[in-house]
Amino acid sequence: MLAALDHVQLAAPPGTEDALRAFYTGALGMTEIPKPPVLAARGGCWFRAGAVQLHVGVERDFRPAKKAHPGLRVTGIDALAARLTAHGAPVTWDDDLPGHRRFYSEDPAGNRLEFLQPH
């Protein structure tokens, strides 16, 4: 039986780890967590904020996910949108989900990210 979601894996092209670190730690305020050495040799980086983990792996023929995305529940959605904008990330508001405020953004690799806060 399923008990919990452990992490979400995103992909990125080789050599983008520094830009990803700046985005996920700087713009989103996540903490980078160490990858096991055997996995670290493959590139990529892992991040955590509370119980939320995002893993970003390197994919040689990478294409960003434009529809698939993690939905990240947040508090202080307006402050987060302002923070992402200040870091140069796009913020596109969407009012189509009843009972929520939400927007979409992208990481430096172009992966789509959804941020939502229940009313």
N, C-alpha and C. Protein backbone atom coordinates (compact mmCIF):
# COMPACT_ATOMS: atom_id res chain seq x y z
N MET A 1 0.82 -1.20 0.00
CA MET A 1 0.00 0.00 0.00
C MET A 1 0.87 1.25 0.00
N LEU A 2 0.40 2.27 -0.66
CA LEU A 2 1.12 3.55 -0.66
C LEU A 2 0.97 4.22 0.69
N ALA A 3 2.05 4.80 1.17
CA ALA A 3 2.02 5.46 2.48
C ALA A 3 2.27 6.96 2.37
N ALA A 4 3.10 7.39 1.41
CA ALA A 4 3.42 8.81 1.27
C ALA A 4 4.16 9.00 -0.04
N LEU A 5 4.24 10.24 -0.46
CA LEU A 5 5.06 10.59 -1.61
C LEU A 5 6.44 10.94 -1.09
N ASP A 6 7.45 10.21 -1.50
CA ASP A 6 8.80 10.42 -0.99
C ASP A 6 9.48 11.62 -1.64
N HIS A 7 9.40 11.72 -2.96
CA HIS A 7 10.02 12.84 -3.67
C HIS A 7 9.46 12.93 -5.08
N VAL A 8 9.74 14.04 -5.73
CA VAL A 8 9.42 14.22 -7.15
C VAL A 8 10.73 14.39 -7.88
N GLN A 9 10.88 13.68 -8.99
CA GLN A 9 12.09 13.76 -9.80
C GLN A 9 11.82 14.62 -11.03
N LEU A 10 12.64 15.63 -11.23
CA LEU A 10 12.62 16.44 -12.44
C LEU A 10 13.92 16.18 -13.18
N ALA A 11 13.99 16.61 -14.42
CA ALA A 11 15.22 16.43 -15.20
C ALA A 11 15.74 17.79 -15.64
N ALA A 12 17.01 17.81 -16.00
CA ALA A 12 17.66 19.04 -16.48
C ALA A 12 18.84 18.63 -17.36
N PRO A 13 19.27 19.54 -18.23
CA PRO A 13 20.42 19.21 -19.08
C PRO A 13 21.72 19.23 -18.29
N PRO A 14 22.73 18.52 -18.78
CA PRO A 14 24.03 18.53 -18.10
C PRO A 14 24.58 19.95 -17.96
N GLY A 15 25.24 20.21 -16.84
CA GLY A 15 25.90 21.49 -16.62
C GLY A 15 25.01 22.59 -16.05
N THR A 16 23.77 22.28 -15.69
CA THR A 16 22.87 23.31 -15.16
C THR A 16 22.75 23.30 -13.64
N GLU A 17 23.54 22.47 -12.98
CA GLU A 17 23.40 22.33 -11.53
C GLU A 17 23.56 23.65 -10.78
N ASP A 18 24.50 24.50 -11.16
CA ASP A 18 24.69 25.76 -10.43
C ASP A 18 23.47 26.66 -10.56
N ALA A 19 22.88 26.76 -11.74
CA ALA A 19 21.67 27.56 -11.93
C ALA A 19 20.50 26.96 -11.15
N LEU A 20 20.41 25.64 -11.11
CA LEU A 20 19.35 24.98 -10.35
C LEU A 20 19.53 25.23 -8.85
N ARG A 21 20.75 25.15 -8.38
CA ARG A 21 21.02 25.43 -6.96
C ARG A 21 20.60 26.86 -6.61
N ALA A 22 20.96 27.81 -7.45
CA ALA A 22 20.60 29.21 -7.20
C ALA A 22 19.08 29.37 -7.14
N PHE A 23 18.37 28.70 -8.03
CA PHE A 23 16.92 28.81 -8.06
C PHE A 23 16.27 28.13 -6.86
N TYR A 24 16.58 26.86 -6.65
CA TYR A 24 15.89 26.11 -5.61
C TYR A 24 16.28 26.55 -4.20
N THR A 25 17.53 26.94 -3.99
CA THR A 25 17.91 27.42 -2.65
C THR A 25 17.65 28.92 -2.51
N GLY A 26 17.99 29.70 -3.53
CA GLY A 26 17.83 31.15 -3.44
C GLY A 26 16.40 31.61 -3.62
N ALA A 27 15.79 31.26 -4.73
CA ALA A 27 14.43 31.74 -5.02
C ALA A 27 13.38 31.02 -4.20
N LEU A 28 13.51 29.70 -4.04
CA LEU A 28 12.50 28.94 -3.31
C LEU A 28 12.84 28.71 -1.84
N GLY A 29 14.06 28.99 -1.43
CA GLY A 29 14.44 28.83 -0.03
C GLY A 29 14.56 27.40 0.43
N MET A 30 14.77 26.48 -0.50
CA MET A 30 14.96 25.07 -0.14
C MET A 30 16.41 24.86 0.30
N THR A 31 16.68 23.73 0.89
CA THR A 31 18.02 23.35 1.30
C THR A 31 18.50 22.23 0.40
N GLU A 32 19.73 22.35 -0.10
CA GLU A 32 20.28 21.24 -0.88
C GLU A 32 20.65 20.12 0.08
N ILE A 33 20.29 18.90 -0.28
CA ILE A 33 20.64 17.74 0.53
C ILE A 33 21.62 16.89 -0.27
N PRO A 34 22.56 16.25 0.42
CA PRO A 34 23.57 15.47 -0.30
C PRO A 34 22.98 14.23 -0.95
N LYS A 35 23.46 13.95 -2.14
CA LYS A 35 23.10 12.72 -2.83
C LYS A 35 24.09 11.64 -2.39
N PRO A 36 23.66 10.39 -2.33
CA PRO A 36 24.62 9.32 -2.07
C PRO A 36 25.73 9.36 -3.12
N PRO A 37 26.98 9.07 -2.74
CA PRO A 37 28.11 9.20 -3.67
C PRO A 37 27.91 8.51 -5.02
N VAL A 38 27.35 7.32 -5.03
CA VAL A 38 27.17 6.61 -6.30
C VAL A 38 26.20 7.37 -7.20
N LEU A 39 25.21 8.06 -6.62
CA LEU A 39 24.25 8.84 -7.41
C LEU A 39 24.80 10.22 -7.74
N ALA A 40 25.61 10.79 -6.86
CA ALA A 40 26.19 12.11 -7.11
C ALA A 40 27.09 12.09 -8.34
N ALA A 41 27.71 10.95 -8.62
CA ALA A 41 28.58 10.84 -9.78
C ALA A 41 27.81 11.02 -11.10
N ARG A 42 26.50 10.86 -11.05
CA ARG A 42 25.66 11.02 -12.25
C ARG A 42 25.30 12.47 -12.52
N GLY A 43 25.60 13.38 -11.58
CA GLY A 43 25.21 14.78 -11.70
C GLY A 43 23.85 15.02 -11.09
N GLY A 44 23.36 16.23 -11.24
CA GLY A 44 22.07 16.58 -10.66
C GLY A 44 22.20 17.02 -9.22
N CYS A 45 21.09 17.35 -8.59
CA CYS A 45 21.08 17.80 -7.21
C CYS A 45 19.70 17.56 -6.59
N TRP A 46 19.68 17.45 -5.27
CA TRP A 46 18.46 17.19 -4.51
C TRP A 46 18.22 18.34 -3.55
N PHE A 47 16.92 18.63 -3.32
CA PHE A 47 16.54 19.74 -2.45
C PHE A 47 15.40 19.33 -1.54
N ARG A 48 15.32 20.03 -0.39
CA ARG A 48 14.27 19.74 0.59
C ARG A 48 13.79 21.03 1.22
N ALA A 49 12.49 21.06 1.51
CA ALA A 49 11.87 22.09 2.35
C ALA A 49 10.82 21.37 3.18
N GLY A 50 11.09 21.20 4.48
CA GLY A 50 10.19 20.42 5.32
C GLY A 50 10.12 19.00 4.81
N ALA A 51 8.90 18.50 4.57
CA ALA A 51 8.71 17.13 4.09
C ALA A 51 8.77 17.03 2.56
N VAL A 52 8.92 18.16 1.88
CA VAL A 52 8.93 18.19 0.42
C VAL A 52 10.35 17.98 -0.10
N GLN A 53 10.52 17.01 -0.98
CA GLN A 53 11.81 16.79 -1.64
C GLN A 53 11.64 16.85 -3.15
N LEU A 54 12.53 17.59 -3.80
CA LEU A 54 12.62 17.63 -5.25
C LEU A 54 14.00 17.15 -5.64
N HIS A 55 14.07 16.17 -6.50
CA HIS A 55 15.34 15.67 -7.03
C HIS A 55 15.42 16.10 -8.48
N VAL A 56 16.56 16.63 -8.88
CA VAL A 56 16.76 17.02 -10.27
C VAL A 56 17.91 16.19 -10.82
N GLY A 57 17.61 15.38 -11.81
CA GLY A 57 18.61 14.51 -12.42
C GLY A 57 19.01 15.02 -13.80
N VAL A 58 20.20 14.64 -14.21
CA VAL A 58 20.73 15.06 -15.50
C VAL A 58 20.24 14.10 -16.58
N GLU A 59 19.78 14.69 -17.68
CA GLU A 59 19.30 13.92 -18.83
C GLU A 59 19.95 14.52 -20.07
N ARG A 60 20.74 13.73 -20.76
CA ARG A 60 21.52 14.24 -21.90
C ARG A 60 20.65 14.85 -23.00
N ASP A 61 19.59 14.19 -23.39
CA ASP A 61 18.73 14.73 -24.45
C ASP A 61 17.49 15.39 -23.84
N PHE A 62 17.72 16.19 -22.84
CA PHE A 62 16.67 16.82 -22.04
C PHE A 62 15.75 17.71 -22.88
N ARG A 63 14.46 17.61 -22.58
CA ARG A 63 13.45 18.56 -23.04
C ARG A 63 12.59 18.89 -21.83
N PRO A 64 12.36 20.17 -21.55
CA PRO A 64 11.60 20.53 -20.35
C PRO A 64 10.15 20.05 -20.41
N ALA A 65 9.65 19.68 -19.25
CA ALA A 65 8.24 19.30 -19.13
C ALA A 65 7.39 20.56 -19.18
N LYS A 66 6.52 20.67 -20.17
CA LYS A 66 5.68 21.85 -20.32
C LYS A 66 4.28 21.63 -19.76
N LYS A 67 3.85 20.40 -19.63
CA LYS A 67 2.53 20.09 -19.07
C LYS A 67 2.68 19.38 -17.72
N ALA A 68 3.49 18.32 -17.68
CA ALA A 68 3.70 17.61 -16.41
C ALA A 68 4.41 18.52 -15.44
N HIS A 69 4.06 18.43 -14.16
CA HIS A 69 4.65 19.33 -13.17
C HIS A 69 4.33 18.86 -11.76
N PRO A 70 5.17 19.23 -10.79
CA PRO A 70 4.79 19.03 -9.40
C PRO A 70 3.88 20.18 -8.98
N GLY A 71 2.89 19.88 -8.17
CA GLY A 71 2.03 20.89 -7.57
C GLY A 71 2.48 21.07 -6.13
N LEU A 72 2.98 22.24 -5.81
CA LEU A 72 3.55 22.50 -4.48
C LEU A 72 2.63 23.40 -3.68
N ARG A 73 2.07 22.88 -2.59
CA ARG A 73 1.20 23.67 -1.72
C ARG A 73 2.06 24.61 -0.89
N VAL A 74 1.66 25.87 -0.83
CA VAL A 74 2.46 26.88 -0.17
C VAL A 74 1.61 27.71 0.78
N THR A 75 2.28 28.48 1.63
CA THR A 75 1.67 29.55 2.40
C THR A 75 2.33 30.84 1.94
N GLY A 76 1.62 31.95 2.06
CA GLY A 76 2.20 33.22 1.64
C GLY A 76 2.43 33.28 0.14
N ILE A 77 1.43 32.90 -0.64
CA ILE A 77 1.60 32.77 -2.09
C ILE A 77 1.99 34.08 -2.76
N ASP A 78 1.46 35.20 -2.29
CA ASP A 78 1.82 36.49 -2.90
C ASP A 78 3.28 36.82 -2.68
N ALA A 79 3.78 36.56 -1.48
CA ALA A 79 5.20 36.82 -1.19
C ALA A 79 6.09 35.90 -2.02
N LEU A 80 5.66 34.66 -2.20
CA LEU A 80 6.45 33.73 -3.01
C LEU A 80 6.48 34.18 -4.47
N ALA A 81 5.34 34.61 -4.99
CA ALA A 81 5.30 35.10 -6.37
C ALA A 81 6.23 36.30 -6.54
N ALA A 82 6.22 37.21 -5.56
CA ALA A 82 7.10 38.38 -5.63
C ALA A 82 8.57 37.95 -5.56
N ARG A 83 8.85 36.98 -4.72
CA ARG A 83 10.23 36.49 -4.58
C ARG A 83 10.73 35.86 -5.89
N LEU A 84 9.88 35.04 -6.51
CA LEU A 84 10.27 34.43 -7.78
C LEU A 84 10.47 35.49 -8.87
N THR A 85 9.58 36.46 -8.92
CA THR A 85 9.72 37.54 -9.89
C THR A 85 11.03 38.29 -9.67
N ALA A 86 11.37 38.55 -8.41
CA ALA A 86 12.63 39.24 -8.09
C ALA A 86 13.84 38.44 -8.52
N HIS A 87 13.71 37.12 -8.57
CA HIS A 87 14.80 36.26 -9.02
C HIS A 87 14.75 36.01 -10.53
N GLY A 88 13.86 36.69 -11.24
CA GLY A 88 13.80 36.58 -12.68
C GLY A 88 12.99 35.40 -13.21
N ALA A 89 12.27 34.71 -12.34
CA ALA A 89 11.47 33.57 -12.77
C ALA A 89 10.09 34.05 -13.21
N PRO A 90 9.51 33.44 -14.23
CA PRO A 90 8.17 33.85 -14.67
C PRO A 90 7.11 33.44 -13.64
N VAL A 91 6.07 34.24 -13.52
CA VAL A 91 4.93 33.93 -12.67
C VAL A 91 3.67 34.15 -13.50
N THR A 92 2.90 33.08 -13.70
CA THR A 92 1.66 33.15 -14.46
C THR A 92 0.52 32.68 -13.58
N TRP A 93 -0.33 33.62 -13.17
CA TRP A 93 -1.46 33.30 -12.30
C TRP A 93 -2.54 32.55 -13.08
N ASP A 94 -3.24 31.66 -12.38
CA ASP A 94 -4.31 30.87 -12.97
C ASP A 94 -5.43 30.75 -11.95
N ASP A 95 -6.62 31.23 -12.31
CA ASP A 95 -7.78 31.22 -11.40
C ASP A 95 -8.73 30.07 -11.65
N ASP A 96 -8.33 29.04 -12.38
CA ASP A 96 -9.25 27.99 -12.81
C ASP A 96 -9.47 26.87 -11.80
N LEU A 97 -8.76 26.86 -10.68
CA LEU A 97 -8.93 25.79 -9.70
C LEU A 97 -9.77 26.32 -8.53
N PRO A 98 -11.04 25.91 -8.42
CA PRO A 98 -11.89 26.41 -7.34
C PRO A 98 -11.28 26.15 -5.96
N GLY A 99 -11.42 27.15 -5.09
CA GLY A 99 -10.95 27.00 -3.71
C GLY A 99 -9.47 27.24 -3.51
N HIS A 100 -8.77 27.65 -4.56
CA HIS A 100 -7.33 27.85 -4.47
C HIS A 100 -6.90 29.12 -5.20
N ARG A 101 -5.79 29.67 -4.76
CA ARG A 101 -5.04 30.64 -5.55
C ARG A 101 -3.83 29.88 -6.04
N ARG A 102 -3.47 30.08 -7.29
CA ARG A 102 -2.31 29.35 -7.80
C ARG A 102 -1.66 30.11 -8.94
N PHE A 103 -0.38 29.77 -9.13
CA PHE A 103 0.36 30.27 -10.28
C PHE A 103 1.34 29.21 -10.73
N TYR A 104 1.82 29.40 -11.96
CA TYR A 104 2.84 28.53 -12.53
C TYR A 104 4.12 29.33 -12.72
N SER A 105 5.23 28.62 -12.63
CA SER A 105 6.53 29.21 -12.89
C SER A 105 7.38 28.15 -13.58
N GLU A 106 8.65 28.47 -13.79
CA GLU A 106 9.60 27.52 -14.38
C GLU A 106 10.92 27.61 -13.65
N ASP A 107 11.61 26.47 -13.55
CA ASP A 107 12.97 26.49 -13.03
C ASP A 107 13.92 26.87 -14.18
N PRO A 108 15.22 27.04 -13.91
CA PRO A 108 16.15 27.45 -14.97
C PRO A 108 16.26 26.46 -16.14
N ALA A 109 15.84 25.22 -15.94
CA ALA A 109 15.86 24.24 -17.03
C ALA A 109 14.58 24.28 -17.85
N GLY A 110 13.59 25.08 -17.40
CA GLY A 110 12.33 25.18 -18.12
C GLY A 110 11.26 24.23 -17.63
N ASN A 111 11.50 23.52 -16.51
CA ASN A 111 10.48 22.63 -15.96
C ASN A 111 9.34 23.46 -15.37
N ARG A 112 8.11 23.06 -15.67
CA ARG A 112 6.93 23.73 -15.16
C ARG A 112 6.73 23.39 -13.68
N LEU A 113 6.41 24.40 -12.87
CA LEU A 113 6.15 24.22 -11.44
C LEU A 113 4.85 24.91 -11.11
N GLU A 114 3.98 24.24 -10.36
CA GLU A 114 2.72 24.84 -9.90
C GLU A 114 2.81 25.11 -8.42
N PHE A 115 2.38 26.30 -8.01
CA PHE A 115 2.35 26.68 -6.60
C PHE A 115 0.90 27.03 -6.27
N LEU A 116 0.35 26.41 -5.23
CA LEU A 116 -1.04 26.67 -4.90
C LEU A 116 -1.25 26.78 -3.41
N GLN A 117 -2.25 27.62 -3.07
CA GLN A 117 -2.61 27.85 -1.68
C GLN A 117 -4.13 27.79 -1.58
N PRO A 118 -4.66 26.91 -0.73
CA PRO A 118 -6.13 26.86 -0.56
C PRO A 118 -6.63 28.17 0.04
N HIS A 119 -7.88 28.56 -0.33
CA HIS A 119 -8.51 29.76 0.27
C HIS A 119 -8.80 29.47 1.72
